[in-house]
PDB file of N, CA and C in Angstrom:
ATOM      1  N   MET A   1     123.173 119.456  89.574  1.00  0.00           N
ATOM      2  CA  MET A   1     124.705 119.171  89.794  1.00  0.00           C
ATOM      3  C   MET A   1     125.727 118.901  88.852  1.00  0.00           C
ATOM      4  N   GLN A   2     125.600 118.985  87.634  1.00  0.00           N
ATOM      5  CA  GLN A   2     126.361 118.643  86.099  1.00  0.00           C
ATOM      6  C   GLN A   2     126.838 119.916  85.628  1.00  0.00           C
ATOM      7  N   ALA A   3     125.763 121.069  86.311  1.00  0.00           N
ATOM      8  CA  ALA A   3     125.597 122.302  85.885  1.00  0.00           C
ATOM      9  C   ALA A   3     126.927 123.080  86.789  1.00  0.00           C
ATOM     10  N   GLU A   4     126.809 122.838  88.126  1.00  0.00           N
ATOM     11  CA  GLU A   4     127.645 123.188  89.499  1.00  0.00           C
ATOM     12  C   GLU A   4     129.074 122.598  88.920  1.00  0.00           C
ATOM     13  N   ARG A   5     129.059 121.722  88.356  1.00  0.00           N
ATOM     14  CA  ARG A   5     130.928 121.421  88.322  1.00  0.00           C
ATOM     15  C   ARG A   5     131.289 121.998  87.076  1.00  0.00           C
ATOM     16  N   THR A   6     130.140 122.541  86.125  1.00  0.00           N
ATOM     17  CA  THR A   6     131.012 123.111  84.644  1.00  0.00           C
ATOM     18  C   THR A   6     130.873 124.262  84.944  1.00  0.00           C
ATOM     19  N   LYS A   7     130.268 125.078  85.957  1.00  0.00           N
ATOM     20  CA  LYS A   7     130.582 126.420  86.521  1.00  0.00           C
ATOM     21  C   LYS A   7     131.973 126.144  87.149  1.00  0.00           C
ATOM     22  N   TRP A   8     132.245 124.987  88.413  1.00  0.00           N
ATOM     23  CA  TRP A   8     133.324 125.649  88.960  1.00  0.00           C
ATOM     24  C   TRP A   8     135.126 125.153  87.951  1.00  0.00           C
ATOM     25  N   LYS A   9     134.932 124.306  86.794  1.00  0.00           N
ATOM     26  CA  LYS A   9     135.309 124.058  86.207  1.00  0.00           C
ATOM     27  C   LYS A   9     135.818 124.932  85.478  1.00  0.00           C
ATOM     28  N   ASP A  10     135.382 125.877  84.508  1.00  0.00           N
ATOM     29  CA  ASP A  10     135.069 126.964  83.814  1.00  0.00           C
ATOM     30  C   ASP A  10     136.102 128.126  84.776  1.00  0.00           C
ATOM     31  N   GLU A  11     135.230 128.187  86.091  1.00  0.00           N
ATOM     32  CA  GLU A  11     135.950 129.223  86.874  1.00  0.00           C
ATOM     33  C   GLU A  11     137.706 129.156  87.396  1.00  0.00           C
ATOM     34  N   TYR A  12     138.109 127.365  87.567  1.00  0.00           N
ATOM     35  CA  TYR A  12     139.064 126.876  87.652  1.00  0.00           C
ATOM     36  C   TYR A  12     139.707 126.976  86.728  1.00  0.00           C
ATOM     37  N   ASN A  13     139.589 126.629  85.615  1.00  0.00           N
ATOM     38  CA  ASN A  13     140.495 127.338  84.010  1.00  0.00           C
ATOM     39  C   ASN A  13     140.899 128.683  83.682  1.00  0.00           C
ATOM     40  N   ALA A  14     139.428 129.459  83.855  1.00  0.00           N
ATOM     41  CA  ALA A  14     139.640 130.726  83.684  1.00  0.00           C
ATOM     42  C   ALA A  14     140.878 131.406  85.325  1.00  0.00           C
ATOM     43  N   GLY A  15     141.259 130.874  85.587  1.00  0.00           N
ATOM     44  CA  GLY A  15     141.718 131.442  86.700  1.00  0.00           C
ATOM     45  C   GLY A  15     143.152 130.995  86.936  1.00  0.00           C
ATOM     46  N   LEU A  16     143.043 129.952  85.964  1.00  0.00           N
ATOM     47  CA  LEU A  16     144.470 129.094  85.479  1.00  0.00           C
ATOM     48  C   LEU A  16     145.272 129.594  85.082  1.00  0.00           C
ATOM     49  N   SER A  17     144.654 130.426  83.506  1.00  0.00           N
ATOM     50  CA  SER A  17     144.599 130.779  82.466  1.00  0.00           C
ATOM     51  C   SER A  17     145.552 132.763  83.013  1.00  0.00           C
ATOM     52  N   GLY A  18     144.642 132.925  83.914  1.00  0.00           N
ATOM     53  CA  GLY A  18     144.816 134.149  84.127  1.00  0.00           C
ATOM     54  C   GLY A  18     145.715 134.604  85.590  1.00  0.00           C
ATOM     55  N   GLY A  19     145.740 133.337  86.064  1.00  0.00           N
ATOM     56  CA  GLY A  19     146.842 133.534  87.622  1.00  0.00           C
ATOM     57  C   GLY A  19     146.092 134.057  88.618  1.00  0.00           C
ATOM     58  N   ALA A  20     144.512 133.928  88.466  1.00  0.00           N
ATOM     59  CA  ALA A  20     144.290 134.855  89.650  1.00  0.00           C
ATOM     60  C   ALA A  20     144.352 134.209  91.127  1.00  0.00           C
ATOM     61  N   PHE A  21     144.355 133.085  91.076  1.00  0.00           N
ATOM     62  CA  PHE A  21     144.542 131.519  92.370  1.00  0.00           C
ATOM     63  C   PHE A  21     145.449 131.649  92.762  1.00  0.00           C
ATOM     64  N   SER A  22     145.649 131.399  93.900  1.00  0.00           N
ATOM     65  CA  SER A  22     147.221 130.948  94.865  1.00  0.00           C
ATOM     66  C   SER A  22     147.272 129.905  94.535  1.00  0.00           C
ATOM     67  N   VAL A  23     148.176 129.492  95.098  1.00  0.00           N
ATOM     68  CA  VAL A  23     148.559 128.161  95.143  1.00  0.00           C
ATOM     69  C   VAL A  23     147.509 127.209  95.827  1.00  0.00           C
ATOM     70  N   GLN A  24     147.288 128.098  97.078  1.00  0.00           N
ATOM     71  CA  GLN A  24     146.739 126.963  97.997  1.00  0.00           C
ATOM     72  C   GLN A  24     144.865 127.212  97.356  1.00  0.00           C
ATOM     73  N   ASP A  25     144.618 128.243  96.476  1.00  0.00           N
ATOM     74  CA  ASP A  25     143.757 128.352  95.696  1.00  0.00           C
ATOM     75  C   ASP A  25     142.979 127.339  95.089  1.00  0.00           C
ATOM     76  N   LEU A  26     144.280 127.467  94.051  1.00  0.00           N
ATOM     77  CA  LEU A  26     144.349 126.301  93.141  1.00  0.00           C
ATOM     78  C   LEU A  26     144.271 124.755  93.765  1.00  0.00           C
ATOM     79  N   GLY A  27     144.798 123.887  94.767  1.00  0.00           N
ATOM     80  CA  GLY A  27     144.414 123.256  95.237  1.00  0.00           C
ATOM     81  C   GLY A  27     143.395 122.584  95.798  1.00  0.00           C
ATOM     82  N   LEU A  28     142.423 123.940  96.369  1.00  0.00           N
ATOM     83  CA  LEU A  28     141.095 123.778  97.312  1.00  0.00           C
ATOM     84  C   LEU A  28     140.135 123.283  96.447  1.00  0.00           C
ATOM     85  N   ARG A  29     140.488 124.515  95.205  1.00  0.00           N
ATOM     86  CA  ARG A  29     139.222 124.193  94.315  1.00  0.00           C
ATOM     87  C   ARG A  29     139.447 122.778  93.324  1.00  0.00           C
ATOM     88  N   LYS A  30     140.683 122.229  93.048  1.00  0.00           N
ATOM     89  CA  LYS A  30     141.137 121.045  92.369  1.00  0.00           C
ATOM     90  C   LYS A  30     140.346 119.907  93.340  1.00  0.00           C
ATOM     91  N   ASP A  31     140.801 119.860  94.610  1.00  0.00           N
ATOM     92  CA  ASP A  31     139.879 118.766  95.406  1.00  0.00           C
ATOM     93  C   ASP A  31     138.557 119.045  95.417  1.00  0.00           C
ATOM     94  N   HIS A  32     138.234 120.167  95.645  1.00  0.00           N
ATOM     95  CA  HIS A  32     136.804 120.642  95.187  1.00  0.00           C
ATOM     96  C   HIS A  32     136.337 120.370  93.610  1.00  0.00           C
ATOM     97  N   LEU A  33     137.026 120.514  92.740  1.00  0.00           N
ATOM     98  CA  LEU A  33     136.122 119.579  91.843  1.00  0.00           C
ATOM     99  C   LEU A  33     136.263 118.166  91.566  1.00  0.00           C
ATOM    100  N   LYS A  34     137.350 117.638  92.582  1.00  0.00           N
ATOM    101  CA  LYS A  34     137.601 115.998  92.404  1.00  0.00           C
ATOM    102  C   LYS A  34     136.688 115.736  93.212  1.00  0.00           C
ATOM    103  N   ARG A  35     135.893 116.016  94.045  1.00  0.00           N
ATOM    104  CA  ARG A  35     134.728 115.990  95.019  1.00  0.00           C
ATOM    105  C   ARG A  35     133.617 115.612  93.792  1.00  0.00           C
ATOM    106  N   LEU A  36     133.116 117.109  93.354  1.00  0.00           N
ATOM    107  CA  LEU A  36     131.871 117.289  92.751  1.00  0.00           C
ATOM    108  C   LEU A  36     132.101 115.834  91.376  1.00  0.00           C
ATOM    109  N   ASP A  37     133.524 116.137  90.406  1.00  0.00           N
ATOM    110  CA  ASP A  37     133.432 114.793  89.748  1.00  0.00           C
ATOM    111  C   ASP A  37     132.883 113.081  90.866  1.00  0.00           C
ATOM    112  N   THR A  38     133.551 112.873  91.784  1.00  0.00           N
ATOM    113  CA  THR A  38     133.246 112.025  92.999  1.00  0.00           C
ATOM    114  C   THR A  38     131.461 111.965  92.939  1.00  0.00           C
ATOM    115  N   ASP A  39     130.971 112.990  93.373  1.00  0.00           N
ATOM    116  CA  ASP A  39     129.794 113.244  93.529  1.00  0.00           C
ATOM    117  C   ASP A  39     128.606 112.848  92.687  1.00  0.00           C
ATOM    118  N   LEU A  40     129.466 113.153  91.274  1.00  0.00           N
ATOM    119  CA  LEU A  40     128.566 113.100  89.886  1.00  0.00           C
ATOM    120  C   LEU A  40     128.739 111.829  89.468  1.00  0.00           C
ATOM    121  N   ASN A  41     129.059 110.955  89.921  1.00  0.00           N
ATOM    122  CA  ASN A  41     129.656 109.267  89.229  1.00  0.00           C
ATOM    123  C   ASN A  41     129.100 108.895  90.368  1.00  0.00           C
ATOM    124  N   ASP A  42     129.095 109.167  91.813  1.00  0.00           N
ATOM    125  CA  ASP A  42     127.875 108.504  92.517  1.00  0.00           C
ATOM    126  C   ASP A  42     126.701 108.693  92.407  1.00  0.00           C
ATOM    127  N   GLN A  43     126.287 109.692  91.453  1.00  0.00           N
ATOM    128  CA  GLN A  43     124.526 109.886  91.776  1.00  0.00           C
ATOM    129  C   GLN A  43     124.739 109.113  90.060  1.00  0.00           C
ATOM    130  N   LYS A  44     125.166 109.040  88.952  1.00  0.00           N
ATOM    131  CA  LYS A  44     125.048 108.322  87.998  1.00  0.00           C
ATOM    132  C   LYS A  44     125.011 106.535  88.694  1.00  0.00           C
ATOM    133  N   ARG A  45     125.891 106.114  89.503  1.00  0.00           N
ATOM    134  CA  ARG A  45     125.762 105.474  89.936  1.00  0.00           C
ATOM    135  C   ARG A  45     124.144 104.510  90.678  1.00  0.00           C
ATOM    136  N   ALA A  46     124.456 105.614  91.086  1.00  0.00           N
ATOM    137  CA  ALA A  46     123.108 105.404  92.240  1.00  0.00           C
ATOM    138  C   ALA A  46     121.411 105.528  90.279  1.00  0.00           C
ATOM    139  N   GLU A  47     121.504 105.995  89.936  1.00  0.00           N
ATOM    140  CA  GLU A  47     120.574 106.056  88.908  1.00  0.00           C
ATOM    141  C   GLU A  47     120.200 105.447  87.963  1.00  0.00           C
ATOM    142  N   LEU A  48     121.962 104.201  87.869  1.00  0.00           N
ATOM    143  CA  LEU A  48     121.609 103.261  87.165  1.00  0.00           C
ATOM    144  C   LEU A  48     121.314 102.236  87.991  1.00  0.00           C
ATOM    145  N   ALA A  49     121.429 102.459  88.693  1.00  0.00           N
ATOM    146  CA  ALA A  49     120.796 101.517  90.131  1.00  0.00           C
ATOM    147  C   ALA A  49     119.490 101.067  90.304  1.00  0.00           C
ATOM    148  N   GLN A  50     119.143 102.620  90.313  1.00  0.00           N
ATOM    149  CA  GLN A  50     117.732 102.902  90.495  1.00  0.00           C
ATOM    150  C   GLN A  50     116.522 102.544  89.080  1.00  0.00           C
ATOM    151  N   LYS A  51     117.292 102.748  88.120  1.00  0.00           N
ATOM    152  CA  LYS A  51     116.865 101.923  86.615  1.00  0.00           C
ATOM    153  C   LYS A  51     116.765 100.614  86.562  1.00  0.00           C
ATOM    154  N   ARG A  52     117.641  99.965  87.323  1.00  0.00           N
ATOM    155  CA  ARG A  52     117.940  98.240  87.099  1.00  0.00           C
ATOM    156  C   ARG A  52     116.515  97.910  88.343  1.00  0.00           C
ATOM    157  N   ALA A  53     116.499  98.738  89.253  1.00  0.00           N
ATOM    158  CA  ALA A  53     115.649  98.674  90.039  1.00  0.00           C
ATOM    159  C   ALA A  53     113.885  98.501  89.737  1.00  0.00           C
ATOM    160  N   VAL A  54     113.829  99.809  88.811  1.00  0.00           N
ATOM    161  CA  VAL A  54     112.615  99.770  87.875  1.00  0.00           C
ATOM    162  C   VAL A  54     112.501  99.049  86.641  1.00  0.00           C
ATOM    163  N   THR A  55     113.373  98.463  85.966  1.00  0.00           N
ATOM    164  CA  THR A  55     113.059  97.122  85.329  1.00  0.00           C
ATOM    165  C   THR A  55     112.684  96.006  85.847  1.00  0.00           C
ATOM    166  N   LYS A  56     113.647  95.497  86.626  1.00  0.00           N
ATOM    167  CA  LYS A  56     113.355  94.370  87.482  1.00  0.00           C
ATOM    168  C   LYS A  56     111.794  94.634  88.286  1.00  0.00           C
ATOM    169  N   ALA A  57     111.284  95.376  88.706  1.00  0.00           N
ATOM    170  CA  ALA A  57     110.021  95.963  89.277  1.00  0.00           C
ATOM    171  C   ALA A  57     108.998  95.968  88.317  1.00  0.00           C
ATOM    172  N   GLU A  58     109.317  96.574  86.781  1.00  0.00           N
ATOM    173  CA  GLU A  58     108.190  96.028  85.697  1.00  0.00           C
ATOM    174  C   GLU A  58     108.182  94.756  85.419  1.00  0.00           C
ATOM    175  N   ARG A  59     109.301  94.134  85.437  1.00  0.00           N
ATOM    176  CA  ARG A  59     109.178  92.783  84.587  1.00  0.00           C
ATOM    177  C   ARG A  59     108.296  91.667  86.196  1.00  0.00           C
ATOM    178  N   ILE A  60     108.678  92.211  87.405  1.00  0.00           N
ATOM    179  CA  ILE A  60     107.850  91.322  88.366  1.00  0.00           C
ATOM    180  C   ILE A  60     106.196  91.725  88.061  1.00  0.00           C
ATOM    181  N   GLU A  61     106.538  93.287  87.955  1.00  0.00           N
ATOM    182  CA  GLU A  61     104.998  93.424  88.058  1.00  0.00           C
ATOM    183  C   GLU A  61     104.095  93.160  86.435  1.00  0.00           C
ATOM    184  N   GLU A  62     104.662  92.466  85.603  1.00  0.00           N
ATOM    185  CA  GLU A  62     104.315  92.205  83.973  1.00  0.00           C
ATOM    186  C   GLU A  62     104.019  90.380  84.500  1.00  0.00           C
ATOM    187  N   ALA A  63     105.211  89.835  85.447  1.00  0.00           N
ATOM    188  CA  ALA A  63     104.514  88.394  85.738  1.00  0.00           C
ATOM    189  C   ALA A  63     103.476  88.133  86.091  1.00  0.00           C
ATOM    190  N   ALA A  64     103.254  89.081  87.194  1.00  0.00           N
ATOM    191  CA  ALA A  64     101.960  88.824  88.557  1.00  0.00           C
ATOM    192  C   ALA A  64     101.137  89.428  87.806  1.00  0.00           C
ATOM    193  N   ARG A  65     100.609  90.435  86.573  1.00  0.00           N
ATOM    194  CA  ARG A  65      99.561  89.881  85.963  1.00  0.00           C
ATOM    195  C   ARG A  65      99.133  89.264  84.855  1.00  0.00           C
ATOM    196  N   VAL A  66     100.650  88.473  84.376  1.00  0.00           N
ATOM    197  CA  VAL A  66     100.370  87.604  83.409  1.00  0.00           C
ATOM    198  C   VAL A  66      99.595  86.549  84.558  1.00  0.00           C
ATOM    199  N   ALA A  67      99.943  85.565  85.373  1.00  0.00           N
ATOM    200  CA  ALA A  67     100.028  85.396  86.370  1.00  0.00           C
ATOM    201  C   ALA A  67      98.555  85.288  87.310  1.00  0.00           C
ATOM    202  N   PHE A  68      98.178  86.623  87.602  1.00  0.00           N
ATOM    203  CA  PHE A  68      96.292  87.081  87.841  1.00  0.00           C
ATOM    204  C   PHE A  68      95.685  86.432  86.622  1.00  0.00           C
ATOM    205  N   GLN A  69      96.041  86.813  85.440  1.00  0.00           N
ATOM    206  CA  GLN A  69      95.456  87.091  84.170  1.00  0.00           C
ATOM    207  C   GLN A  69      94.737  84.733  84.320  1.00  0.00           C
ATOM    208  N   GLU A  70      96.178  84.404  83.863  1.00  0.00           N
ATOM    209  CA  GLU A  70      95.988  83.303  84.074  1.00  0.00           C
ATOM    210  C   GLU A  70      94.991  82.473  85.207  1.00  0.00           C
ATOM    211  N   LYS A  71      94.902  82.993  86.733  1.00  0.00           N
ATOM    212  CA  LYS A  71      94.268  82.687  87.146  1.00  0.00           C
ATOM    213  C   LYS A  71      92.604  83.091  87.015  1.00  0.00           C
ATOM    214  N   ALA A  72      92.472  84.076  87.064  1.00  0.00           N
ATOM    215  CA  ALA A  72      91.475  84.925  86.412  1.00  0.00           C
ATOM    216  C   ALA A  72      90.620  83.869  85.729  1.00  0.00           C
ATOM    217  N   ASN A  73      91.106  83.617  84.582  1.00  0.00           N
ATOM    218  CA  ASN A  73      90.627  82.498  83.053  1.00  0.00           C
ATOM    219  C   ASN A  73      90.132  81.468  83.965  1.00  0.00           C
ATOM    220  N   GLU A  74      90.962  80.827  84.763  1.00  0.00           N
ATOM    221  CA  GLU A  74      91.190  79.112  85.614  1.00  0.00           C
ATOM    222  C   GLU A  74      89.964  79.538  86.283  1.00  0.00           C
ATOM    223  N   VAL A  75      89.203  80.981  86.932  1.00  0.00           N
ATOM    224  CA  VAL A  75      87.906  81.097  88.015  1.00  0.00           C
ATOM    225  C   VAL A  75      87.170  80.623  86.915  1.00  0.00           C
ATOM    226  N   LYS A  76      87.043  81.451  85.674  1.00  0.00           N
ATOM    227  CA  LYS A  76      85.554  81.677  84.946  1.00  0.00           C
ATOM    228  C   LYS A  76      85.637  80.515  84.106  1.00  0.00           C
ATOM    229  N   VAL A  77      86.581  80.107  84.077  1.00  0.00           N
ATOM    230  CA  VAL A  77      86.035  78.725  83.885  1.00  0.00           C
ATOM    231  C   VAL A  77      85.217  77.986  84.000  1.00  0.00           C
ATOM    232  N   HIS A  78      86.210  77.887  85.909  1.00  0.00           N
ATOM    233  CA  HIS A  78      85.661  77.463  86.658  1.00  0.00           C
ATOM    234  C   HIS A  78      84.016  77.588  86.986  1.00  0.00           C
ATOM    235  N   GLU A  79      83.924  78.433  87.455  1.00  0.00           N
ATOM    236  CA  GLU A  79      82.456  79.324  87.192  1.00  0.00           C
ATOM    237  C   GLU A  79      81.241  78.967  86.200  1.00  0.00           C
ATOM    238  N   ASP A  80      81.655  78.623  85.107  1.00  0.00           N
ATOM    239  CA  ASP A  80      81.337  78.232  83.464  1.00  0.00           C
ATOM    240  C   ASP A  80      80.562  76.929  83.969  1.00  0.00           C
ATOM    241  N   ARG A  81      81.269  76.289  84.222  1.00  0.00           N
ATOM    242  CA  ARG A  81      81.569  74.929  84.858  1.00  0.00           C
ATOM    243  C   ARG A  81      80.219  74.585  85.786  1.00  0.00           C
ATOM    244  N   LYS A  82      80.465  75.098  86.831  1.00  0.00           N
ATOM    245  CA  LYS A  82      79.717  75.401  88.095  1.00  0.00           C
ATOM    246  C   LYS A  82      78.379  75.394  86.995  1.00  0.00           C
ATOM    247  N   GLU A  83      78.001  76.356  86.869  1.00  0.00           N
ATOM    248  CA  GLU A  83      76.789  77.184  86.507  1.00  0.00           C
ATOM    249  C   GLU A  83      76.107  76.051  85.140  1.00  0.00           C
ATOM    250  N   ARG A  84      77.141  74.874  84.393  1.00  0.00           N
ATOM    251  CA  ARG A  84      76.646  73.906  83.824  1.00  0.00           C
ATOM    252  C   ARG A  84      76.017  73.425  84.246  1.00  0.00           C
ATOM    253  N   TRP A  85      77.147  72.231  85.560  1.00  0.00           N
ATOM    254  CA  TRP A  85      76.487  71.894  86.377  1.00  0.00           C
ATOM    255  C   TRP A  85      75.728  72.363  87.271  1.00  0.00           C
ATOM    256  N   LEU A  86      75.208  73.824  87.769  1.00  0.00           N
ATOM    257  CA  LEU A  86      73.809  74.055  88.607  1.00  0.00           C
ATOM    258  C   LEU A  86      72.860  73.993  87.805  1.00  0.00           C
ATOM    259  N   ALA A  87      72.644  74.111  86.280  1.00  0.00           N
ATOM    260  CA  ALA A  87      71.585  74.060  85.530  1.00  0.00           C
ATOM    261  C   ALA A  87      71.747  72.445  84.934  1.00  0.00           C
ATOM    262  N   ASP A  88      72.355  71.726  84.620  1.00  0.00           N
ATOM    263  CA  ASP A  88      71.887  70.071  84.222  1.00  0.00           C
ATOM    264  C   ASP A  88      71.261  69.190  85.924  1.00  0.00           C
ATOM    265  N   LEU A  89      71.660  69.979  87.261  1.00  0.00           N
ATOM    266  CA  LEU A  89      70.895  69.685  88.159  1.00  0.00           C
ATOM    267  C   LEU A  89      69.734  69.862  88.659  1.00  0.00           C
ATOM    268  N   LYS A  90      69.512  71.303  87.959  1.00  0.00           N
ATOM    269  CA  LYS A  90      68.243  71.384  88.235  1.00  0.00           C
ATOM    270  C   LYS A  90      67.394  70.582  86.829  1.00  0.00           C
ATOM    271  N   LYS A  91      67.896  70.895  85.768  1.00  0.00           N
ATOM    272  CA  LYS A  91      66.719  69.613  84.742  1.00  0.00           C
ATOM    273  C   LYS A  91      66.751  68.549  85.270  1.00  0.00           C
ATOM    274  N   GLU A  92      67.783  67.764  86.117  1.00  0.00           N
ATOM    275  CA  GLU A  92      67.313  66.781  86.443  1.00  0.00           C
ATOM    276  C   GLU A  92      66.655  66.515  87.689  1.00  0.00           C
ATOM    277  N   GLU A  93      66.573  67.491  88.252  1.00  0.00           N
ATOM    278  CA  GLU A  93      65.532  67.566  89.657  1.00  0.00           C
ATOM    279  C   GLU A  93      64.104  67.516  88.901  1.00  0.00           C
ATOM    280  N   LEU A  94      63.835  68.658  87.790  1.00  0.00           N
ATOM    281  CA  LEU A  94      62.557  68.755  87.397  1.00  0.00           C
ATOM    282  C   LEU A  94      62.079  66.762  86.519  1.00  0.00           C
ATOM    283  N   ARG A  95      63.057  66.989  86.415  1.00  0.00           N
ATOM    284  CA  ARG A  95      62.759  66.201  84.945  1.00  0.00           C
ATOM    285  C   ARG A  95      62.237  64.430  86.174  1.00  0.00           C
ATOM    286  N   ARG A  96      62.939  64.198  87.781  1.00  0.00           N
ATOM    287  CA  ARG A  96      62.492  63.473  88.580  1.00  0.00           C
ATOM    288  C   ARG A  96      60.886  64.019  89.136  1.00  0.00           C
ATOM    289  N   GLU A  97      60.790  65.365  89.388  1.00  0.00           N
ATOM    290  CA  GLU A  97      59.373  65.742  89.790  1.00  0.00           C
ATOM    291  C   GLU A  97      59.061  65.007  88.407  1.00  0.00           C
ATOM    292  N   GLN A  98      58.488  65.524  87.360  1.00  0.00           N
ATOM    293  CA  GLN A  98      57.825  65.031  86.741  1.00  0.00           C
ATOM    294  C   GLN A  98      57.420  63.818  86.212  1.00  0.00           C
ATOM    295  N   LYS A  99      58.687  63.107  86.565  1.00  0.00           N
ATOM    296  CA  LYS A  99      58.386  61.601  86.450  1.00  0.00           C
ATOM    297  C   LYS A  99      57.769  61.387  87.845  1.00  0.00           C
ATOM    298  N   GLU A 100      58.173  61.991  89.175  1.00  0.00           N
ATOM    299  CA  GLU A 100      56.894  61.606  90.325  1.00  0.00           C
ATOM    300  C   GLU A 100      55.448  61.966  90.041  1.00  0.00           C
ATOM    301  N   ILE A 101      55.098  63.424  89.095  1.00  0.00           N
ATOM    302  CA  ILE A 101      54.140  63.727  89.186  1.00  0.00           C
ATOM    303  C   ILE A 101      53.161  62.401  87.727  1.00  0.00           C
ATOM    304  N   GLU A 102      53.838  62.089  86.866  1.00  0.00           N
ATOM    305  CA  GLU A 102      52.938  61.450  86.265  1.00  0.00           C
ATOM    306  C   GLU A 102      52.724  60.156  86.907  1.00  0.00           C
ATOM    307  N   GLU A 103      53.681  59.357  87.767  1.00  0.00           N
ATOM    308  CA  GLU A 103      53.491  58.132  88.590  1.00  0.00           C
ATOM    309  C   GLU A 103      52.423  58.292  89.352  1.00  0.00           C
ATOM    310  N   ILE A 104      52.502  59.689  90.166  1.00  0.00           N
ATOM    311  CA  ILE A 104      51.198  59.628  90.945  1.00  0.00           C
ATOM    312  C   ILE A 104      49.963  59.823  90.455  1.00  0.00           C
ATOM    313  N   SER A 105      50.015  60.507  89.247  1.00  0.00           N
ATOM    314  CA  SER A 105      48.675  60.909  88.137  1.00  0.00           C
ATOM    315  C   SER A 105      48.486  59.282  87.932  1.00  0.00           C
ATOM    316  N   THR A 106      49.460  58.326  87.321  1.00  0.00           N
ATOM    317  CA  THR A 106      48.963  57.070  86.567  1.00  0.00           C
ATOM    318  C   THR A 106      48.828  56.231  87.898  1.00  0.00           C
ATOM    319  N   ALA A 107      49.224  56.282  89.230  1.00  0.00           N
ATOM    320  CA  ALA A 107      48.371  55.726  90.227  1.00  0.00           C
ATOM    321  C   ALA A 107      47.150  56.248  90.516  1.00  0.00           C
ATOM    322  N   MET A 108      46.406  57.414  90.573  1.00  0.00           N
ATOM    323  CA  MET A 108      45.497  58.489  90.908  1.00  0.00           C
ATOM    324  C   MET A 108      44.155  57.508  89.622  1.00  0.00           C
ATOM    325  N   HIS A 109      44.848  57.833  88.277  1.00  0.00           N
ATOM    326  CA  HIS A 109      44.318  57.158  87.274  1.00  0.00           C
ATOM    327  C   HIS A 109      43.526  55.642  87.709  1.00  0.00           C
ATOM    328  N   GLU A 110      44.437  55.177  87.932  1.00  0.00           N
ATOM    329  CA  GLU A 110      44.172  53.362  88.601  1.00  0.00           C
ATOM    330  C   GLU A 110      43.386  53.073  89.078  1.00  0.00           C
ATOM    331  N   ARG A 111      43.868  54.548  90.477  1.00  0.00           N
ATOM    332  CA  ARG A 111      42.724  54.031  91.080  1.00  0.00           C
ATOM    333  C   ARG A 111      41.596  54.051  90.766  1.00  0.00           C
ATOM    334  N   ARG A 112      41.216  55.258  90.341  1.00  0.00           N
ATOM    335  CA  ARG A 112      39.827  55.376  90.418  1.00  0.00           C
ATOM    336  C   ARG A 112      39.164  54.744  89.235  1.00  0.00           C
ATOM    337  N   ARG A 113      39.922  54.259  88.269  1.00  0.00           N
ATOM    338  CA  ARG A 113      39.603  53.140  87.022  1.00  0.00           C
ATOM    339  C   ARG A 113      39.129  52.397  88.035  1.00  0.00           C
ATOM    340  N   ARG A 114      39.728  51.863  88.912  1.00  0.00           N
ATOM    341  CA  ARG A 114      39.265  50.694  90.276  1.00  0.00           C
ATOM    342  C   ARG A 114      38.009  50.908  90.834  1.00  0.00           C
ATOM    343  N   GLN A 115      38.007  52.099  91.291  1.00  0.00           N
ATOM    344  CA  GLN A 115      36.934  52.066  91.895  1.00  0.00           C
ATOM    345  C   GLN A 115      35.932  52.505  91.425  1.00  0.00           C
ATOM    346  N   ASP A 116      36.297  52.931  90.294  1.00  0.00           N
ATOM    347  CA  ASP A 116      35.047  53.035  89.150  1.00  0.00           C
ATOM    348  C   ASP A 116      34.149  51.541  88.321  1.00  0.00           C
ATOM    349  N   ARG A 117      34.975  50.964  88.616  1.00  0.00           N
ATOM    350  CA  ARG A 117      34.918  49.538  87.925  1.00  0.00           C
ATOM    351  C   ARG A 117      34.235  48.677  89.086  1.00  0.00           C
ATOM    352  N   GLU A 118      34.358  49.040  90.288  1.00  0.00           N
ATOM    353  CA  GLU A 118      33.786  48.534  91.607  1.00  0.00           C
ATOM    354  C   GLU A 118      32.294  48.895  91.822  1.00  0.00           C
ATOM    355  N   SER A 119      32.627  50.021  91.453  1.00  0.00           N
ATOM    356  CA  SER A 119      31.329  50.433  91.923  1.00  0.00           C
ATOM    357  C   SER A 119      30.438  50.431  90.761  1.00  0.00           C
ATOM    358  N   GLU A 120      30.297  49.564  89.797  1.00  0.00           N
ATOM    359  CA  GLU A 120      29.599  49.477  88.526  1.00  0.00           C
ATOM    360  C   GLU A 120      28.765  47.921  88.492  1.00  0.00           C
TER     361      GLU A 120
END
């Protein structure tokens, strides 16, 4: 678009200095150059708006990444705590089972001793 504008402006200036254009042609070319300038300005505004939108989207994306990372870290902490809690539960269950086995063993041993005493 910038190249087209430059071409038209150069042709316009060359036509002015050489007297190649009629008054009507000069008016048409001048109007065309104004439209090109307006279009160029519109495109620049649109480009600036798009750059702002991209910058805003990048900020939003970065904020989302940070929030996601924070949540991922929280989940990791909770998972680690859960694993430790489950390991503690398993240890406690094993302790209870061992205690029950010891109690059963002791009871069986006492029973045998009593039976042995009674049989003697």
